[in-house]
Amino acid sequence: MLWPQGAAGHNVRAWAELLVVEANTNPAVMFDVRLGLDIQRQAQRVSEHWNETLRYHKNVPYGYELRQVRTSAEWLLTNTMLL
Protein backbone atom coordinates (compact mmCIF):
# COMPACT_ATOMS: atom_id res chain seq x y z
CA MET A 1 0.00 0.00 0.00
CA LEU A 2 1.29 3.44 -0.84
CA TRP A 3 1.13 5.98 1.95
CA PRO A 4 -0.71 9.20 0.94
CA GLN A 5 1.69 12.03 0.14
CA GLY A 6 1.95 14.69 2.80
CA ALA A 7 0.32 12.49 5.42
CA ALA A 8 3.49 12.15 7.53
CA GLY A 9 1.87 9.42 9.64
CA HIS A 10 -0.99 11.65 10.80
CA ASN A 11 -3.60 10.27 8.39
CA VAL A 12 -6.09 8.25 10.47
CA ARG A 13 -7.83 6.89 7.38
CA ALA A 14 -4.53 5.71 5.89
CA TRP A 15 -3.63 3.89 9.12
CA ALA A 16 -6.98 2.09 9.05
CA GLU A 17 -6.48 1.09 5.43
CA LEU A 18 -2.96 -0.12 6.18
CA LEU A 19 -4.23 -2.18 9.13
CA VAL A 20 -6.89 -3.88 6.99
CA VAL A 21 -4.57 -4.49 4.02
CA GLU A 22 -1.81 -5.92 6.21
CA ALA A 23 -4.23 -8.12 8.17
CA ASN A 24 -5.73 -9.46 4.96
CA THR A 25 -2.31 -10.45 3.59
CA ASN A 26 -1.88 -12.82 6.54
CA PRO A 27 -4.29 -15.80 6.30
CA ALA A 28 -4.08 -16.34 10.07
CA VAL A 29 -5.35 -12.81 10.76
CA MET A 30 -7.65 -12.02 7.83
CA PHE A 31 -10.55 -9.75 8.79
CA ASP A 32 -14.12 -10.43 7.90
CA VAL A 33 -15.03 -8.06 5.04
CA ARG A 34 -17.63 -6.32 7.20
CA LEU A 35 -15.12 -5.74 10.01
CA GLY A 36 -12.63 -4.23 7.57
CA LEU A 37 -15.29 -1.88 6.23
CA ASP A 38 -16.35 -0.92 9.75
CA ILE A 39 -12.75 -0.12 10.72
CA GLN A 40 -12.34 2.09 7.66
CA ARG A 41 -15.73 3.76 8.20
CA GLN A 42 -14.94 4.65 11.82
CA ALA A 43 -11.48 5.92 10.91
CA GLN A 44 -12.95 8.02 8.09
CA ARG A 45 -15.34 9.67 10.55
CA VAL A 46 -12.47 10.51 12.89
CA SER A 47 -10.40 11.74 9.95
CA GLU A 48 -13.16 14.12 8.83
CA HIS A 49 -12.94 15.98 12.16
CA TRP A 50 -9.25 15.68 12.96
CA ASN A 51 -6.35 17.17 11.12
CA GLU A 52 -2.77 17.58 12.23
CA THR A 53 -2.91 21.33 11.57
CA LEU A 54 -5.78 21.74 14.04
CA ARG A 55 -3.24 21.36 16.84
CA TYR A 56 -1.77 24.73 15.95
CA HIS A 57 -5.01 26.72 16.09
CA LYS A 58 -7.51 27.61 18.78
CA ASN A 59 -10.42 25.74 17.25
CA VAL A 60 -13.49 24.83 19.23
CA PRO A 61 -15.30 21.78 17.85
CA TYR A 62 -19.07 21.63 17.59
CA GLY A 63 -20.87 19.25 19.93
CA TYR A 64 -21.95 16.95 17.10
CA GLU A 65 -18.32 16.68 15.93
CA LEU A 66 -17.21 15.63 19.41
CA ARG A 67 -20.01 13.05 19.59
CA GLN A 68 -19.12 11.59 16.20
CA VAL A 69 -15.42 11.27 17.02
CA ARG A 70 -16.16 9.93 20.50
CA THR A 71 -18.54 7.32 19.08
CA SER A 72 -15.98 6.19 16.50
CA ALA A 73 -13.12 6.14 19.01
CA GLU A 74 -15.25 4.11 21.44
CA TRP A 75 -16.13 1.66 18.64
CA LEU A 76 -12.45 1.23 17.76
CA LEU A 77 -11.47 0.74 21.42
CA THR A 78 -14.33 -1.68 22.08
CA ASN A 79 -13.49 -3.74 19.02
CA THR A 80 -9.72 -3.86 19.49
CA MET A 81 -10.06 -7.47 20.61
CA LEU A 82 -11.18 -8.26 17.04
CA LEU A 83 -8.18 -6.52 15.55
PDB file of N, CA and C in Angstrom:
ATOM      1  N   MET A   1       0.844  -1.178   0.000  1.00  0.00           N
ATOM      2  CA  MET A   1       0.000   0.000   0.000  1.00  0.00           C
ATOM      3  C   MET A   1       0.885   1.236   0.000  1.00  0.00           C
ATOM      4  N   LEU A   2       0.556   2.179  -0.812  1.00  0.00           N
ATOM      5  CA  LEU A   2       1.288   3.442  -0.843  1.00  0.00           C
ATOM      6  C   LEU A   2       0.693   4.395   0.190  1.00  0.00           C
ATOM      7  N   TRP A   3       1.583   5.012   0.949  1.00  0.00           N
ATOM      8  CA  TRP A   3       1.134   5.985   1.951  1.00  0.00           C
ATOM      9  C   TRP A   3       0.784   7.282   1.231  1.00  0.00           C
ATOM     10  N   PRO A   4      -0.338   7.936   1.596  1.00  0.00           N
ATOM     11  CA  PRO A   4      -0.713   9.200   0.937  1.00  0.00           C
ATOM     12  C   PRO A   4       0.371  10.258   1.116  1.00  0.00           C
ATOM     13  N   GLN A   5       0.675  10.977   0.060  1.00  0.00           N
ATOM     14  CA  GLN A   5       1.690  12.028   0.137  1.00  0.00           C
ATOM     15  C   GLN A   5       1.264  13.105   1.121  1.00  0.00           C
ATOM     16  N   GLY A   6       2.212  13.618   1.862  1.00  0.00           N
ATOM     17  CA  GLY A   6       1.951  14.695   2.803  1.00  0.00           C
ATOM     18  C   GLY A   6       1.278  14.242   4.083  1.00  0.00           C
ATOM     19  N   ALA A   7       1.033  12.964   4.238  1.00  0.00           N
ATOM     20  CA  ALA A   7       0.318  12.491   5.419  1.00  0.00           C
ATOM     21  C   ALA A   7       1.219  12.439   6.649  1.00  0.00           C
ATOM     22  N   ALA A   8       2.495  12.164   6.452  1.00  0.00           N
ATOM     23  CA  ALA A   8       3.490  12.147   7.532  1.00  0.00           C
ATOM     24  C   ALA A   8       3.048  11.333   8.739  1.00  0.00           C
ATOM     25  N   GLY A   9       2.281  10.280   8.532  1.00  0.00           N
ATOM     26  CA  GLY A   9       1.866   9.423   9.637  1.00  0.00           C
ATOM     27  C   GLY A   9       0.690   9.927  10.431  1.00  0.00           C
ATOM     28  N   HIS A  10       0.122  11.066  10.051  1.00  0.00           N
ATOM     29  CA  HIS A  10      -0.988  11.646  10.796  1.00  0.00           C
ATOM     30  C   HIS A  10      -2.346  11.368  10.153  1.00  0.00           C
ATOM     31  N   ASN A  11      -2.362  10.535   9.134  1.00  0.00           N
ATOM     32  CA  ASN A  11      -3.597  10.271   8.393  1.00  0.00           C
ATOM     33  C   ASN A  11      -4.307   9.061   8.998  1.00  0.00           C
ATOM     34  N   VAL A  12      -5.347   9.307   9.772  1.00  0.00           N
ATOM     35  CA  VAL A  12      -6.086   8.251  10.472  1.00  0.00           C
ATOM     36  C   VAL A  12      -6.683   7.255   9.476  1.00  0.00           C
ATOM     37  N   ARG A  13      -7.234   7.758   8.401  1.00  0.00           N
ATOM     38  CA  ARG A  13      -7.826   6.894   7.380  1.00  0.00           C
ATOM     39  C   ARG A  13      -6.781   5.974   6.772  1.00  0.00           C
ATOM     40  N   ALA A  14      -5.600   6.514   6.489  1.00  0.00           N
ATOM     41  CA  ALA A  14      -4.531   5.708   5.890  1.00  0.00           C
ATOM     42  C   ALA A  14      -4.069   4.611   6.850  1.00  0.00           C
ATOM     43  N   TRP A  15      -4.006   4.916   8.146  1.00  0.00           N
ATOM     44  CA  TRP A  15      -3.628   3.893   9.123  1.00  0.00           C
ATOM     45  C   TRP A  15      -4.656   2.761   9.135  1.00  0.00           C
ATOM     46  N   ALA A  16      -5.932   3.113   9.064  1.00  0.00           N
ATOM     47  CA  ALA A  16      -6.984   2.090   9.053  1.00  0.00           C
ATOM     48  C   ALA A  16      -6.868   1.221   7.811  1.00  0.00           C
ATOM     49  N   GLU A  17      -6.632   1.852   6.667  1.00  0.00           N
ATOM     50  CA  GLU A  17      -6.484   1.089   5.430  1.00  0.00           C
ATOM     51  C   GLU A  17      -5.272   0.168   5.506  1.00  0.00           C
ATOM     52  N   LEU A  18      -4.167   0.687   6.046  1.00  0.00           N
ATOM     53  CA  LEU A  18      -2.960  -0.120   6.182  1.00  0.00           C
ATOM     54  C   LEU A  18      -3.216  -1.320   7.100  1.00  0.00           C
ATOM     55  N   LEU A  19      -3.900  -1.108   8.200  1.00  0.00           N
ATOM     56  CA  LEU A  19      -4.233  -2.182   9.134  1.00  0.00           C
ATOM     57  C   LEU A  19      -5.021  -3.286   8.435  1.00  0.00           C
ATOM     58  N   VAL A  20      -6.040  -2.898   7.684  1.00  0.00           N
ATOM     59  CA  VAL A  20      -6.894  -3.877   6.995  1.00  0.00           C
ATOM     60  C   VAL A  20      -6.108  -4.606   5.907  1.00  0.00           C
ATOM     61  N   VAL A  21      -5.349  -3.864   5.109  1.00  0.00           N
ATOM     62  CA  VAL A  21      -4.574  -4.487   4.023  1.00  0.00           C
ATOM     63  C   VAL A  21      -3.555  -5.467   4.597  1.00  0.00           C
ATOM     64  N   GLU A  22      -2.833  -5.045   5.623  1.00  0.00           N
ATOM     65  CA  GLU A  22      -1.814  -5.917   6.211  1.00  0.00           C
ATOM     66  C   GLU A  22      -2.443  -7.146   6.854  1.00  0.00           C
ATOM     67  N   ALA A  23      -3.555  -6.971   7.544  1.00  0.00           N
ATOM     68  CA  ALA A  23      -4.231  -8.122   8.166  1.00  0.00           C
ATOM     69  C   ALA A  23      -4.705  -9.101   7.109  1.00  0.00           C
ATOM     70  N   ASN A  24      -5.187  -8.591   5.998  1.00  0.00           N
ATOM     71  CA  ASN A  24      -5.728  -9.463   4.962  1.00  0.00           C
ATOM     72  C   ASN A  24      -4.653 -10.113   4.099  1.00  0.00           C
ATOM     73  N   THR A  25      -3.386  -9.748   4.294  1.00  0.00           N
ATOM     74  CA  THR A  25      -2.314 -10.452   3.589  1.00  0.00           C
ATOM     75  C   THR A  25      -1.804 -11.629   4.410  1.00  0.00           C
ATOM     76  N   ASN A  26      -2.268 -11.726   5.651  1.00  0.00           N
ATOM     77  CA  ASN A  26      -1.883 -12.822   6.538  1.00  0.00           C
ATOM     78  C   ASN A  26      -3.104 -13.717   6.753  1.00  0.00           C
ATOM     79  N   PRO A  27      -3.116 -14.920   6.182  1.00  0.00           N
ATOM     80  CA  PRO A  27      -4.289 -15.800   6.296  1.00  0.00           C
ATOM     81  C   PRO A  27      -4.689 -16.110   7.734  1.00  0.00           C
ATOM     82  N   ALA A  28      -3.753 -16.056   8.673  1.00  0.00           N
ATOM     83  CA  ALA A  28      -4.079 -16.344  10.070  1.00  0.00           C
ATOM     84  C   ALA A  28      -4.824 -15.190  10.740  1.00  0.00           C
ATOM     85  N   VAL A  29      -4.770 -13.999  10.146  1.00  0.00           N
ATOM     86  CA  VAL A  29      -5.355 -12.811  10.763  1.00  0.00           C
ATOM     87  C   VAL A  29      -6.521 -12.240   9.961  1.00  0.00           C
ATOM     88  N   MET A  30      -6.701 -12.649   8.753  1.00  0.00           N
ATOM     89  CA  MET A  30      -7.654 -12.016   7.828  1.00  0.00           C
ATOM     90  C   MET A  30      -8.952 -11.573   8.510  1.00  0.00           C
ATOM     91  N   PHE A  31      -9.317 -10.311   8.248  1.00  0.00           N
ATOM     92  CA  PHE A  31     -10.550  -9.746   8.793  1.00  0.00           C
ATOM     93  C   PHE A  31     -11.740 -10.159   7.952  1.00  0.00           C
ATOM     94  N   ASP A  32     -12.857 -10.305   8.602  1.00  0.00           N
ATOM     95  CA  ASP A  32     -14.123 -10.426   7.900  1.00  0.00           C
ATOM     96  C   ASP A  32     -14.303  -9.136   7.089  1.00  0.00           C
ATOM     97  N   VAL A  33     -14.866  -9.236   5.919  1.00  0.00           N
ATOM     98  CA  VAL A  33     -15.027  -8.059   5.045  1.00  0.00           C
ATOM     99  C   VAL A  33     -15.777  -6.952   5.776  1.00  0.00           C
ATOM    100  N   ARG A  34     -16.827  -7.315   6.490  1.00  0.00           N
ATOM    101  CA  ARG A  34     -17.630  -6.315   7.204  1.00  0.00           C
ATOM    102  C   ARG A  34     -16.805  -5.603   8.280  1.00  0.00           C
ATOM    103  N   LEU A  35     -15.969  -6.350   8.990  1.00  0.00           N
ATOM    104  CA  LEU A  35     -15.121  -5.737  10.014  1.00  0.00           C
ATOM    105  C   LEU A  35     -14.143  -4.748   9.378  1.00  0.00           C
ATOM    106  N   GLY A  36     -13.542  -5.137   8.266  1.00  0.00           N
ATOM    107  CA  GLY A  36     -12.625  -4.232   7.566  1.00  0.00           C
ATOM    108  C   GLY A  36     -13.306  -2.944   7.142  1.00  0.00           C
ATOM    109  N   LEU A  37     -14.530  -3.064   6.629  1.00  0.00           N
ATOM    110  CA  LEU A  37     -15.286  -1.875   6.225  1.00  0.00           C
ATOM    111  C   LEU A  37     -15.646  -1.016   7.430  1.00  0.00           C
ATOM    112  N   ASP A  38     -16.016  -1.668   8.536  1.00  0.00           N
ATOM    113  CA  ASP A  38     -16.348  -0.917   9.755  1.00  0.00           C
ATOM    114  C   ASP A  38     -15.138  -0.153  10.282  1.00  0.00           C
ATOM    115  N   ILE A  39     -13.975  -0.785  10.265  1.00  0.00           N
ATOM    116  CA  ILE A  39     -12.749  -0.115  10.716  1.00  0.00           C
ATOM    117  C   ILE A  39     -12.492   1.121   9.864  1.00  0.00           C
ATOM    118  N   GLN A  40     -12.589   0.967   8.558  1.00  0.00           N
ATOM    119  CA  GLN A  40     -12.342   2.089   7.658  1.00  0.00           C
ATOM    120  C   GLN A  40     -13.402   3.170   7.816  1.00  0.00           C
ATOM    121  N   ARG A  41     -14.642   2.788   8.026  1.00  0.00           N
ATOM    122  CA  ARG A  41     -15.727   3.762   8.200  1.00  0.00           C
ATOM    123  C   ARG A  41     -15.519   4.594   9.462  1.00  0.00           C
ATOM    124  N   GLN A  42     -15.161   3.928  10.558  1.00  0.00           N
ATOM    125  CA  GLN A  42     -14.943   4.646  11.816  1.00  0.00           C
ATOM    126  C   GLN A  42     -13.728   5.559  11.716  1.00  0.00           C
ATOM    127  N   ALA A  43     -12.671   5.086  11.083  1.00  0.00           N
ATOM    128  CA  ALA A  43     -11.476   5.919  10.908  1.00  0.00           C
ATOM    129  C   ALA A  43     -11.767   7.114  10.010  1.00  0.00           C
ATOM    130  N   GLN A  44     -12.584   6.919   8.991  1.00  0.00           N
ATOM    131  CA  GLN A  44     -12.950   8.020   8.093  1.00  0.00           C
ATOM    132  C   GLN A  44     -13.694   9.100   8.866  1.00  0.00           C
ATOM    133  N   ARG A  45     -14.588   8.687   9.753  1.00  0.00           N
ATOM    134  CA  ARG A  45     -15.341   9.669  10.548  1.00  0.00           C
ATOM    135  C   ARG A  45     -14.393  10.473  11.425  1.00  0.00           C
ATOM    136  N   VAL A  46     -13.445   9.801  12.068  1.00  0.00           N
ATOM    137  CA  VAL A  46     -12.467  10.513  12.895  1.00  0.00           C
ATOM    138  C   VAL A  46     -11.648  11.457  12.014  1.00  0.00           C
ATOM    139  N   SER A  47     -11.234  10.957  10.871  1.00  0.00           N
ATOM    140  CA  SER A  47     -10.402  11.743   9.950  1.00  0.00           C
ATOM    141  C   SER A  47     -11.100  13.011   9.464  1.00  0.00           C
ATOM    142  N   GLU A  48     -12.404  12.952   9.305  1.00  0.00           N
ATOM    143  CA  GLU A  48     -13.165  14.119   8.834  1.00  0.00           C
ATOM    144  C   GLU A  48     -13.113  15.272   9.827  1.00  0.00           C
ATOM    145  N   HIS A  49     -12.915  14.952  11.110  1.00  0.00           N
ATOM    146  CA  HIS A  49     -12.944  15.979  12.156  1.00  0.00           C
ATOM    147  C   HIS A  49     -11.600  16.215  12.813  1.00  0.00           C
ATOM    148  N   TRP A  50     -10.560  15.510  12.357  1.00  0.00           N
ATOM    149  CA  TRP A  50      -9.247  15.680  12.960  1.00  0.00           C
ATOM    150  C   TRP A  50      -8.231  15.879  11.861  1.00  0.00           C
ATOM    151  N   ASN A  51      -7.404  16.859  12.067  1.00  0.00           N
ATOM    152  CA  ASN A  51      -6.353  17.167  11.116  1.00  0.00           C
ATOM    153  C   ASN A  51      -5.151  17.629  11.919  1.00  0.00           C
ATOM    154  N   GLU A  52      -3.988  17.219  11.506  1.00  0.00           N
ATOM    155  CA  GLU A  52      -2.769  17.578  12.230  1.00  0.00           C
ATOM    156  C   GLU A  52      -2.664  19.090  12.450  1.00  0.00           C
ATOM    157  N   THR A  53      -3.045  19.885  11.458  1.00  0.00           N
ATOM    158  CA  THR A  53      -2.908  21.335  11.572  1.00  0.00           C
ATOM    159  C   THR A  53      -3.845  21.940  12.610  1.00  0.00           C
ATOM    160  N   LEU A  54      -4.873  21.217  13.023  1.00  0.00           N
ATOM    161  CA  LEU A  54      -5.784  21.740  14.044  1.00  0.00           C
ATOM    162  C   LEU A  54      -5.067  21.941  15.382  1.00  0.00           C
ATOM    163  N   ARG A  55      -3.984  21.214  15.583  1.00  0.00           N
ATOM    164  CA  ARG A  55      -3.242  21.358  16.839  1.00  0.00           C
ATOM    165  C   ARG A  55      -2.636  22.741  16.992  1.00  0.00           C
ATOM    166  N   TYR A  56      -2.464  23.449  15.908  1.00  0.00           N
ATOM    167  CA  TYR A  56      -1.771  24.732  15.949  1.00  0.00           C
ATOM    168  C   TYR A  56      -2.728  25.923  15.929  1.00  0.00           C
ATOM    169  N   HIS A  57      -4.010  25.655  16.097  1.00  0.00           N
ATOM    170  CA  HIS A  57      -5.011  26.722  16.087  1.00  0.00           C
ATOM    171  C   HIS A  57      -5.937  26.564  17.285  1.00  0.00           C
ATOM    172  N   LYS A  58      -6.564  27.653  17.662  1.00  0.00           N
ATOM    173  CA  LYS A  58      -7.510  27.613  18.778  1.00  0.00           C
ATOM    174  C   LYS A  58      -8.904  27.351  18.223  1.00  0.00           C
ATOM    175  N   ASN A  59      -9.119  26.128  17.785  1.00  0.00           N
ATOM    176  CA  ASN A  59     -10.423  25.739  17.253  1.00  0.00           C
ATOM    177  C   ASN A  59     -11.276  25.151  18.365  1.00  0.00           C
ATOM    178  N   VAL A  60     -12.550  25.415  18.295  1.00  0.00           N
ATOM    179  CA  VAL A  60     -13.491  24.830  19.230  1.00  0.00           C
ATOM    180  C   VAL A  60     -14.460  23.973  18.416  1.00  0.00           C
ATOM    181  N   PRO A  61     -14.443  22.652  18.647  1.00  0.00           N
ATOM    182  CA  PRO A  61     -15.304  21.780  17.852  1.00  0.00           C
ATOM    183  C   PRO A  61     -16.767  21.935  18.254  1.00  0.00           C
ATOM    184  N   TYR A  62     -17.632  21.652  17.303  1.00  0.00           N
ATOM    185  CA  TYR A  62     -19.067  21.627  17.587  1.00  0.00           C
ATOM    186  C   TYR A  62     -19.375  20.368  18.382  1.00  0.00           C
ATOM    187  N   GLY A  63     -20.465  20.401  19.125  1.00  0.00           N
ATOM    188  CA  GLY A  63     -20.870  19.246  19.930  1.00  0.00           C
ATOM    189  C   GLY A  63     -21.076  17.995  19.101  1.00  0.00           C
ATOM    190  N   TYR A  64     -21.692  18.129  17.930  1.00  0.00           N
ATOM    191  CA  TYR A  64     -21.946  16.950  17.100  1.00  0.00           C
ATOM    192  C   TYR A  64     -20.632  16.351  16.589  1.00  0.00           C
ATOM    193  N   GLU A  65     -19.617  17.202  16.365  1.00  0.00           N
ATOM    194  CA  GLU A  65     -18.316  16.684  15.927  1.00  0.00           C
ATOM    195  C   GLU A  65     -17.667  15.862  17.042  1.00  0.00           C
ATOM    196  N   LEU A  66     -17.749  16.373  18.264  1.00  0.00           N
ATOM    197  CA  LEU A  66     -17.210  15.629  19.406  1.00  0.00           C
ATOM    198  C   LEU A  66     -17.919  14.291  19.568  1.00  0.00           C
ATOM    199  N   ARG A  67     -19.247  14.294  19.446  1.00  0.00           N
ATOM    200  CA  ARG A  67     -20.007  13.054  19.593  1.00  0.00           C
ATOM    201  C   ARG A  67     -19.635  12.041  18.517  1.00  0.00           C
ATOM    202  N   GLN A  68     -19.468  12.505  17.283  1.00  0.00           N
ATOM    203  CA  GLN A  68     -19.116  11.585  16.198  1.00  0.00           C
ATOM    204  C   GLN A  68     -17.737  10.972  16.424  1.00  0.00           C
ATOM    205  N   VAL A  69     -16.772  11.784  16.791  1.00  0.00           N
ATOM    206  CA  VAL A  69     -15.419  11.273  17.017  1.00  0.00           C
ATOM    207  C   VAL A  69     -15.405  10.365  18.238  1.00  0.00           C
ATOM    208  N   ARG A  70     -16.101  10.755  19.291  1.00  0.00           N
ATOM    209  CA  ARG A  70     -16.155   9.928  20.498  1.00  0.00           C
ATOM    210  C   ARG A  70     -16.781   8.568  20.192  1.00  0.00           C
ATOM    211  N   THR A  71     -17.866   8.567  19.435  1.00  0.00           N
ATOM    212  CA  THR A  71     -18.537   7.319  19.080  1.00  0.00           C
ATOM    213  C   THR A  71     -17.603   6.412  18.284  1.00  0.00           C
ATOM    214  N   SER A  72     -16.902   6.984  17.315  1.00  0.00           N
ATOM    215  CA  SER A  72     -15.980   6.186  16.502  1.00  0.00           C
ATOM    216  C   SER A  72     -14.798   5.691  17.330  1.00  0.00           C
ATOM    217  N   ALA A  73     -14.249   6.550  18.165  1.00  0.00           N
ATOM    218  CA  ALA A  73     -13.120   6.143  19.011  1.00  0.00           C
ATOM    219  C   ALA A  73     -13.548   5.033  19.968  1.00  0.00           C
ATOM    220  N   GLU A  74     -14.740   5.149  20.541  1.00  0.00           N
ATOM    221  CA  GLU A  74     -15.247   4.106  21.438  1.00  0.00           C
ATOM    222  C   GLU A  74     -15.441   2.795  20.682  1.00  0.00           C
ATOM    223  N   TRP A  75     -15.954   2.872  19.440  1.00  0.00           N
ATOM    224  CA  TRP A  75     -16.133   1.662  18.640  1.00  0.00           C
ATOM    225  C   TRP A  75     -14.784   0.995  18.412  1.00  0.00           C
ATOM    226  N   LEU A  76     -13.784   1.784  18.021  1.00  0.00           N
ATOM    227  CA  LEU A  76     -12.450   1.226  17.762  1.00  0.00           C
ATOM    228  C   LEU A  76     -11.857   0.619  19.025  1.00  0.00           C
ATOM    229  N   LEU A  77     -11.998   1.278  20.164  1.00  0.00           N
ATOM    230  CA  LEU A  77     -11.474   0.744  21.420  1.00  0.00           C
ATOM    231  C   LEU A  77     -12.214  -0.528  21.831  1.00  0.00           C
ATOM    232  N   THR A  78     -13.518  -0.519  21.704  1.00  0.00           N
ATOM    233  CA  THR A  78     -14.333  -1.677  22.081  1.00  0.00           C
ATOM    234  C   THR A  78     -14.009  -2.887  21.209  1.00  0.00           C
ATOM    235  N   ASN A  79     -13.710  -2.635  19.953  1.00  0.00           N
ATOM    236  CA  ASN A  79     -13.494  -3.735  19.022  1.00  0.00           C
ATOM    237  C   ASN A  79     -12.022  -4.085  18.829  1.00  0.00           C
ATOM    238  N   THR A  80     -11.140  -3.552  19.661  1.00  0.00           N
ATOM    239  CA  THR A  80      -9.719  -3.863  19.491  1.00  0.00           C
ATOM    240  C   THR A  80      -9.444  -5.351  19.680  1.00  0.00           C
ATOM    241  N   MET A  81     -10.284  -6.037  20.437  1.00  0.00           N
ATOM    242  CA  MET A  81     -10.060  -7.474  20.612  1.00  0.00           C
ATOM    243  C   MET A  81     -10.248  -8.221  19.293  1.00  0.00           C
ATOM    244  N   LEU A  82     -10.987  -7.630  18.350  1.00  0.00           N
ATOM    245  CA  LEU A  82     -11.185  -8.259  17.044  1.00  0.00           C
ATOM    246  C   LEU A  82     -10.039  -7.943  16.091  1.00  0.00           C
ATOM    247  N   LEU A  83      -9.258  -6.923  16.420  1.00  0.00           N
ATOM    248  CA  LEU A  83      -8.177  -6.517  15.545  1.00  0.00           C
ATOM    249  C   LEU A  83      -7.007  -7.381  15.781  1.00  0.00           C
TER     250      LEU A  83
END
